[in-house]
């Protein structure tokens, strides 16, 4: 049964990535509101593709922050270690779905040279779950 679950997950991920490529082709500029407008299972892979493609290690931190802001995310000033936390949130109320806020957090971490070392993205729901668990 576990093998079937993995197969279903792999097929679902492939379908989500294909749909994300279609969205990217139709809308070349990524935004978090656009990712949020996709189905729950497609929005996160779409946003992860943006992080992987547009926020590569070695990018100057100011350019990384500018790209994230163009994607409609608000960023705080750098912390003492130079990390920058950014957030996008929206109120959601889906039919038969959740009620509350979807919160996207992105942490940009610099390396010793001051350039981007890593970008870490999370998506969480705060509020009441829907009938389908999201």
N, C-alpha and C. Protein backbone atom coordinates (compact mmCIF):
# COMPACT_ATOMS: atom_id res chain seq x y z
N UNK A 1 0.82 -1.19 0.00
CA UNK A 1 0.00 0.00 0.00
C UNK A 1 0.87 1.25 0.00
N UNK A 2 2.00 1.17 0.68
CA UNK A 2 2.89 2.32 0.75
C UNK A 2 3.41 2.70 -0.63
N UNK A 3 3.71 1.69 -1.45
CA UNK A 3 4.21 1.94 -2.80
C UNK A 3 3.18 2.66 -3.65
N UNK A 4 1.91 2.29 -3.49
CA UNK A 4 0.84 2.95 -4.25
C UNK A 4 0.72 4.41 -3.81
N UNK A 5 0.83 4.66 -2.51
CA UNK A 5 0.77 6.03 -2.01
C UNK A 5 1.89 6.88 -2.58
N UNK A 6 3.08 6.32 -2.66
CA UNK A 6 4.22 7.06 -3.23
C UNK A 6 4.00 7.31 -4.71
N UNK A 7 3.45 6.33 -5.41
CA UNK A 7 3.17 6.50 -6.84
C UNK A 7 2.14 7.60 -7.05
N UNK A 8 1.08 7.60 -6.25
CA UNK A 8 0.06 8.63 -6.36
C UNK A 8 0.66 10.01 -6.07
N UNK A 9 1.51 10.09 -5.04
CA UNK A 9 2.16 11.36 -4.71
C UNK A 9 3.05 11.83 -5.85
N UNK A 10 3.80 10.92 -6.46
CA UNK A 10 4.70 11.28 -7.56
C UNK A 10 3.90 11.77 -8.77
N UNK A 11 2.81 11.09 -9.09
CA UNK A 11 1.97 11.51 -10.22
C UNK A 11 1.35 12.87 -9.92
N UNK A 12 0.89 13.07 -8.70
CA UNK A 12 0.32 14.36 -8.31
C UNK A 12 1.32 15.49 -8.42
N UNK A 13 2.56 15.24 -7.97
CA UNK A 13 3.60 16.26 -8.05
C UNK A 13 3.92 16.58 -9.50
N UNK A 14 4.01 15.56 -10.35
CA UNK A 14 4.28 15.79 -11.77
C UNK A 14 3.18 16.63 -12.40
N UNK A 15 1.93 16.33 -12.07
CA UNK A 15 0.81 17.11 -12.61
C UNK A 15 0.86 18.55 -12.12
N UNK A 16 1.19 18.74 -10.84
CA UNK A 16 1.28 20.09 -10.29
C UNK A 16 2.38 20.88 -10.97
N UNK A 17 3.54 20.25 -11.17
CA UNK A 17 4.64 20.95 -11.83
C UNK A 17 4.30 21.30 -13.27
N UNK A 18 3.63 20.39 -13.97
CA UNK A 18 3.21 20.69 -15.34
C UNK A 18 2.25 21.87 -15.37
N UNK A 19 1.31 21.88 -14.45
CA UNK A 19 0.37 23.01 -14.38
C UNK A 19 1.09 24.29 -14.02
N UNK A 20 2.07 24.19 -13.14
CA UNK A 20 2.83 25.38 -12.74
C UNK A 20 3.61 25.93 -13.93
N UNK A 21 4.15 25.05 -14.77
CA UNK A 21 4.86 25.51 -15.95
C UNK A 21 3.90 26.24 -16.88
N UNK A 22 2.67 25.73 -16.98
CA UNK A 22 1.67 26.39 -17.80
C UNK A 22 1.36 27.78 -17.24
N UNK A 23 1.20 27.88 -15.92
CA UNK A 23 0.93 29.17 -15.30
C UNK A 23 2.10 30.11 -15.53
N UNK A 24 3.33 29.59 -15.41
CA UNK A 24 4.51 30.41 -15.62
C UNK A 24 4.57 30.92 -17.06
N UNK A 25 4.22 30.07 -18.00
CA UNK A 25 4.25 30.47 -19.41
C UNK A 25 3.20 31.56 -19.67
N UNK A 26 2.02 31.41 -19.06
CA UNK A 26 0.95 32.38 -19.26
C UNK A 26 1.19 33.67 -18.48
N UNK A 27 1.85 33.58 -17.34
CA UNK A 27 2.11 34.71 -16.46
C UNK A 27 3.58 34.67 -16.07
N UNK A 28 4.46 35.30 -16.85
CA UNK A 28 5.88 35.14 -16.60
C UNK A 28 6.37 35.63 -15.25
N UNK A 29 5.70 36.58 -14.62
CA UNK A 29 6.17 37.10 -13.34
C UNK A 29 5.44 36.39 -12.20
N UNK A 30 6.21 35.70 -11.37
CA UNK A 30 5.65 35.01 -10.22
C UNK A 30 5.22 36.01 -9.16
N UNK A 31 4.09 35.75 -8.50
CA UNK A 31 3.67 36.50 -7.32
C UNK A 31 3.06 35.53 -6.33
N UNK A 32 3.18 35.85 -5.05
CA UNK A 32 2.56 35.01 -4.03
C UNK A 32 1.03 35.06 -4.10
N UNK A 33 0.41 36.19 -4.44
CA UNK A 33 -1.05 36.15 -4.62
C UNK A 33 -1.46 35.16 -5.72
N UNK A 34 -0.67 35.07 -6.78
CA UNK A 34 -0.98 34.12 -7.85
C UNK A 34 -0.83 32.69 -7.34
N UNK A 35 0.23 32.43 -6.57
CA UNK A 35 0.42 31.09 -6.01
C UNK A 35 -0.73 30.74 -5.07
N UNK A 36 -1.18 31.71 -4.31
CA UNK A 36 -2.28 31.49 -3.37
C UNK A 36 -3.58 31.20 -4.12
N UNK A 37 -3.74 31.75 -5.32
CA UNK A 37 -4.98 31.54 -6.08
C UNK A 37 -5.07 30.16 -6.70
N UNK A 38 -3.95 29.45 -6.77
CA UNK A 38 -3.96 28.09 -7.30
C UNK A 38 -4.55 27.14 -6.26
N UNK A 39 -4.84 25.92 -6.68
CA UNK A 39 -5.34 24.95 -5.70
C UNK A 39 -4.31 24.77 -4.60
N UNK A 40 -4.77 24.29 -3.46
CA UNK A 40 -3.87 24.15 -2.31
C UNK A 40 -2.65 23.30 -2.65
N UNK A 41 -2.85 22.23 -3.41
CA UNK A 41 -1.75 21.32 -3.73
C UNK A 41 -0.83 21.83 -4.83
N UNK A 42 -1.23 22.84 -5.58
CA UNK A 42 -0.38 23.36 -6.65
C UNK A 42 0.35 24.65 -6.27
N UNK A 43 -0.19 25.40 -5.33
CA UNK A 43 0.41 26.68 -4.97
C UNK A 43 1.81 26.56 -4.39
N UNK A 44 2.01 25.61 -3.47
CA UNK A 44 3.31 25.47 -2.84
C UNK A 44 4.39 25.04 -3.84
N UNK A 45 4.17 24.03 -4.70
CA UNK A 45 5.21 23.70 -5.68
C UNK A 45 5.54 24.87 -6.62
N UNK A 46 4.52 25.65 -6.96
CA UNK A 46 4.74 26.82 -7.81
C UNK A 46 5.65 27.82 -7.11
N UNK A 47 5.39 28.07 -5.83
CA UNK A 47 6.23 29.00 -5.06
C UNK A 47 7.63 28.43 -4.85
N UNK A 48 7.73 27.12 -4.61
CA UNK A 48 9.04 26.49 -4.44
C UNK A 48 9.87 26.59 -5.72
N UNK A 49 9.21 26.51 -6.87
CA UNK A 49 9.92 26.67 -8.14
C UNK A 49 10.48 28.08 -8.27
N UNK A 50 9.71 29.08 -7.83
CA UNK A 50 10.20 30.46 -7.83
C UNK A 50 11.44 30.58 -6.95
N UNK A 51 11.39 30.03 -5.75
CA UNK A 51 12.53 30.11 -4.83
C UNK A 51 13.75 29.44 -5.44
N UNK A 52 13.57 28.24 -5.98
CA UNK A 52 14.70 27.50 -6.57
C UNK A 52 15.30 28.21 -7.78
N UNK A 53 14.45 28.78 -8.61
CA UNK A 53 14.92 29.39 -9.86
C UNK A 53 15.39 30.83 -9.68
N UNK A 54 14.64 31.62 -8.93
CA UNK A 54 14.90 33.06 -8.85
C UNK A 54 15.71 33.51 -7.64
N UNK A 55 15.94 32.60 -6.69
CA UNK A 55 16.72 32.95 -5.50
C UNK A 55 17.88 31.96 -5.31
N UNK A 56 18.78 31.91 -6.29
CA UNK A 56 19.88 30.95 -6.20
C UNK A 56 20.94 31.39 -5.18
N UNK A 57 21.62 30.43 -4.57
CA UNK A 57 22.73 30.79 -3.68
C UNK A 57 23.75 31.65 -4.44
N UNK A 58 24.31 32.63 -3.74
CA UNK A 58 25.30 33.52 -4.35
C UNK A 58 24.72 34.82 -4.86
N UNK A 59 23.40 34.92 -4.90
CA UNK A 59 22.74 36.15 -5.33
C UNK A 59 22.99 37.23 -4.27
N UNK A 60 23.29 38.47 -4.67
CA UNK A 60 23.42 39.53 -3.67
C UNK A 60 22.12 39.65 -2.84
N UNK A 61 22.28 39.83 -1.55
CA UNK A 61 21.11 39.88 -0.66
C UNK A 61 20.13 40.97 -1.05
N UNK A 62 20.62 42.15 -1.44
CA UNK A 62 19.69 43.22 -1.81
C UNK A 62 18.87 42.85 -3.04
N UNK A 63 19.47 42.12 -3.98
CA UNK A 63 18.74 41.67 -5.16
C UNK A 63 17.74 40.59 -4.77
N UNK A 64 18.11 39.69 -3.85
CA UNK A 64 17.18 38.65 -3.40
C UNK A 64 15.96 39.29 -2.74
N UNK A 65 16.18 40.27 -1.88
CA UNK A 65 15.07 40.96 -1.22
C UNK A 65 14.21 41.68 -2.25
N UNK A 66 14.82 42.32 -3.23
CA UNK A 66 14.06 43.02 -4.27
C UNK A 66 13.19 42.05 -5.07
N UNK A 67 13.72 40.88 -5.39
CA UNK A 67 12.93 39.88 -6.13
C UNK A 67 11.74 39.39 -5.30
N UNK A 68 11.96 39.19 -4.02
CA UNK A 68 10.88 38.74 -3.14
C UNK A 68 9.81 39.82 -3.03
N UNK A 69 10.23 41.07 -2.90
CA UNK A 69 9.26 42.17 -2.82
C UNK A 69 8.47 42.31 -4.12
N UNK A 70 9.11 42.09 -5.27
CA UNK A 70 8.38 42.13 -6.55
C UNK A 70 7.36 41.00 -6.63
N UNK A 71 7.58 39.94 -5.86
CA UNK A 71 6.63 38.82 -5.81
C UNK A 71 5.52 39.10 -4.79
N UNK A 72 5.43 40.33 -4.31
CA UNK A 72 4.37 40.82 -3.43
C UNK A 72 4.46 40.17 -2.04
N UNK A 73 5.64 40.21 -1.47
CA UNK A 73 5.86 39.77 -0.10
C UNK A 73 6.46 40.94 0.66
N UNK A 74 6.07 41.10 1.91
CA UNK A 74 6.64 42.15 2.76
C UNK A 74 7.85 41.59 3.50
N UNK A 75 8.93 42.36 3.57
CA UNK A 75 10.15 41.91 4.23
C UNK A 75 10.52 42.84 5.38
N UNK A 76 10.98 42.24 6.46
CA UNK A 76 11.48 43.01 7.61
C UNK A 76 12.92 43.41 7.34
N UNK A 77 13.43 44.39 8.07
CA UNK A 77 14.85 44.72 7.95
C UNK A 77 15.71 43.52 8.37
N UNK A 78 16.94 43.47 7.91
CA UNK A 78 17.81 42.34 8.28
C UNK A 78 18.00 42.25 9.80
N UNK A 79 18.11 41.02 10.30
CA UNK A 79 18.40 40.79 11.71
C UNK A 79 19.90 40.98 11.94
N UNK A 80 20.34 40.79 13.17
CA UNK A 80 21.76 40.96 13.50
C UNK A 80 22.67 40.07 12.66
N UNK A 81 22.20 38.84 12.35
CA UNK A 81 23.03 37.94 11.54
C UNK A 81 22.86 38.17 10.04
N UNK A 82 22.04 39.15 9.66
CA UNK A 82 21.86 39.49 8.25
C UNK A 82 20.69 38.79 7.59
N UNK A 83 20.04 37.86 8.29
CA UNK A 83 18.88 37.16 7.72
C UNK A 83 17.72 38.13 7.53
N UNK A 84 16.93 37.86 6.51
CA UNK A 84 15.76 38.69 6.21
C UNK A 84 14.54 37.77 6.20
N UNK A 85 13.52 38.13 7.00
CA UNK A 85 12.27 37.38 7.04
C UNK A 85 11.21 38.14 6.26
N UNK A 86 10.55 37.41 5.37
CA UNK A 86 9.51 38.00 4.54
C UNK A 86 8.23 37.20 4.73
N UNK A 87 7.09 37.87 4.50
CA UNK A 87 5.80 37.20 4.74
C UNK A 87 4.74 37.72 3.77
N UNK A 88 3.90 36.79 3.35
CA UNK A 88 2.68 37.12 2.61
C UNK A 88 1.56 36.37 3.32
N UNK A 89 0.47 37.06 3.63
CA UNK A 89 -0.66 36.37 4.23
C UNK A 89 -1.95 36.87 3.61
N UNK A 90 -2.92 35.99 3.63
CA UNK A 90 -4.21 36.33 3.07
C UNK A 90 -5.31 35.62 3.85
N UNK A 91 -6.44 36.26 3.95
CA UNK A 91 -7.60 35.65 4.59
C UNK A 91 -8.25 34.70 3.60
N UNK A 92 -8.58 33.51 4.06
CA UNK A 92 -9.21 32.53 3.18
C UNK A 92 -10.51 32.04 3.78
N UNK A 93 -11.42 31.71 2.91
CA UNK A 93 -12.69 31.11 3.28
C UNK A 93 -13.20 30.34 2.08
N UNK A 94 -12.72 29.13 1.91
CA UNK A 94 -13.06 28.31 0.75
C UNK A 94 -14.36 27.53 1.01
N UNK A 95 -15.13 27.30 -0.04
CA UNK A 95 -16.33 26.48 0.10
C UNK A 95 -15.92 25.08 0.53
N UNK A 96 -16.46 24.60 1.60
CA UNK A 96 -16.12 23.31 2.21
C UNK A 96 -14.64 23.26 2.62
N UNK A 97 -14.02 24.42 2.69
CA UNK A 97 -12.60 24.46 3.03
C UNK A 97 -12.37 25.20 4.32
N UNK A 98 -11.14 25.65 4.46
CA UNK A 98 -10.72 26.27 5.70
C UNK A 98 -11.19 27.71 5.81
N UNK A 99 -11.17 28.19 7.04
CA UNK A 99 -11.48 29.58 7.32
C UNK A 99 -10.35 30.10 8.20
N UNK A 100 -9.71 31.17 7.79
CA UNK A 100 -8.60 31.72 8.57
C UNK A 100 -7.63 32.45 7.66
N UNK A 101 -6.34 32.27 7.90
CA UNK A 101 -5.31 32.91 7.09
C UNK A 101 -4.30 31.89 6.60
N UNK A 102 -3.91 32.03 5.34
CA UNK A 102 -2.77 31.29 4.81
C UNK A 102 -1.56 32.20 4.94
N UNK A 103 -0.50 31.69 5.56
CA UNK A 103 0.69 32.48 5.85
C UNK A 103 1.87 31.85 5.13
N UNK A 104 2.50 32.62 4.26
CA UNK A 104 3.71 32.21 3.55
C UNK A 104 4.89 32.94 4.19
N UNK A 105 5.87 32.20 4.69
CA UNK A 105 7.07 32.79 5.28
C UNK A 105 8.28 32.37 4.47
N UNK A 106 9.13 33.34 4.20
CA UNK A 106 10.37 33.09 3.45
C UNK A 106 11.52 33.72 4.23
N UNK A 107 12.52 32.91 4.54
CA UNK A 107 13.70 33.41 5.25
C UNK A 107 14.88 33.37 4.30
N UNK A 108 15.50 34.53 4.11
CA UNK A 108 16.70 34.64 3.28
C UNK A 108 17.90 34.71 4.22
N UNK A 109 18.81 33.76 4.08
CA UNK A 109 19.97 33.67 4.97
C UNK A 109 21.24 33.94 4.18
N UNK A 110 22.05 34.92 4.64
CA UNK A 110 23.29 35.22 3.93
C UNK A 110 24.43 34.28 4.36
N UNK A 111 25.39 34.14 3.48
CA UNK A 111 26.60 33.42 3.82
C UNK A 111 27.63 34.39 4.38
N UNK A 112 28.85 33.91 4.66
CA UNK A 112 29.88 34.78 5.22
C UNK A 112 30.28 35.93 4.29
N UNK A 113 30.05 35.75 2.99
CA UNK A 113 30.40 36.79 2.02
C UNK A 113 29.29 37.83 1.87
N UNK A 114 28.17 37.66 2.60
CA UNK A 114 27.07 38.61 2.52
C UNK A 114 26.10 38.33 1.39
N UNK A 115 26.36 37.31 0.61
CA UNK A 115 25.45 36.92 -0.47
C UNK A 115 24.50 35.84 0.04
N UNK A 116 23.42 35.64 -0.69
CA UNK A 116 22.41 34.67 -0.29
C UNK A 116 23.02 33.27 -0.19
N UNK A 117 22.86 32.66 0.99
CA UNK A 117 23.30 31.27 1.17
C UNK A 117 22.12 30.32 0.97
N UNK A 118 20.95 30.69 1.51
CA UNK A 118 19.78 29.83 1.37
C UNK A 118 18.50 30.64 1.49
N UNK A 119 17.44 30.07 0.93
CA UNK A 119 16.10 30.65 1.02
C UNK A 119 15.17 29.53 1.46
N UNK A 120 14.48 29.73 2.56
CA UNK A 120 13.61 28.71 3.13
C UNK A 120 12.17 29.18 3.12
N UNK A 121 11.29 28.44 2.45
CA UNK A 121 9.89 28.82 2.30
C UNK A 121 8.98 27.86 3.06
N UNK A 122 8.01 28.41 3.78
CA UNK A 122 6.98 27.59 4.42
C UNK A 122 5.62 28.21 4.14
N UNK A 123 4.60 27.36 4.19
CA UNK A 123 3.21 27.81 4.04
C UNK A 123 2.40 27.15 5.14
N UNK A 124 1.71 27.93 5.91
CA UNK A 124 0.91 27.41 7.01
C UNK A 124 -0.48 28.03 6.98
N UNK A 125 -1.42 27.30 7.53
CA UNK A 125 -2.77 27.81 7.68
C UNK A 125 -3.03 28.05 9.16
N UNK A 126 -3.56 29.21 9.47
CA UNK A 126 -3.92 29.55 10.84
C UNK A 126 -5.43 29.74 10.87
N UNK A 127 -6.12 28.94 11.63
CA UNK A 127 -7.57 29.06 11.70
C UNK A 127 -8.22 27.70 11.75
N UNK A 128 -9.41 27.61 11.19
CA UNK A 128 -10.18 26.38 11.23
C UNK A 128 -9.95 25.56 9.97
N UNK A 129 -9.68 24.25 10.11
CA UNK A 129 -9.50 23.42 8.92
C UNK A 129 -10.84 23.15 8.23
N UNK A 130 -10.75 22.86 6.96
CA UNK A 130 -11.95 22.55 6.20
C UNK A 130 -12.26 21.06 6.23
N UNK A 131 -13.24 20.67 5.46
CA UNK A 131 -13.63 19.27 5.40
C UNK A 131 -12.52 18.37 4.88
N UNK A 132 -11.65 18.91 4.05
CA UNK A 132 -10.60 18.11 3.42
C UNK A 132 -9.25 18.27 4.09
N UNK A 133 -9.21 18.92 5.25
CA UNK A 133 -7.97 19.03 5.99
C UNK A 133 -7.13 20.23 5.67
N UNK A 134 -7.49 21.03 4.66
CA UNK A 134 -6.75 22.27 4.40
C UNK A 134 -7.67 23.43 4.27
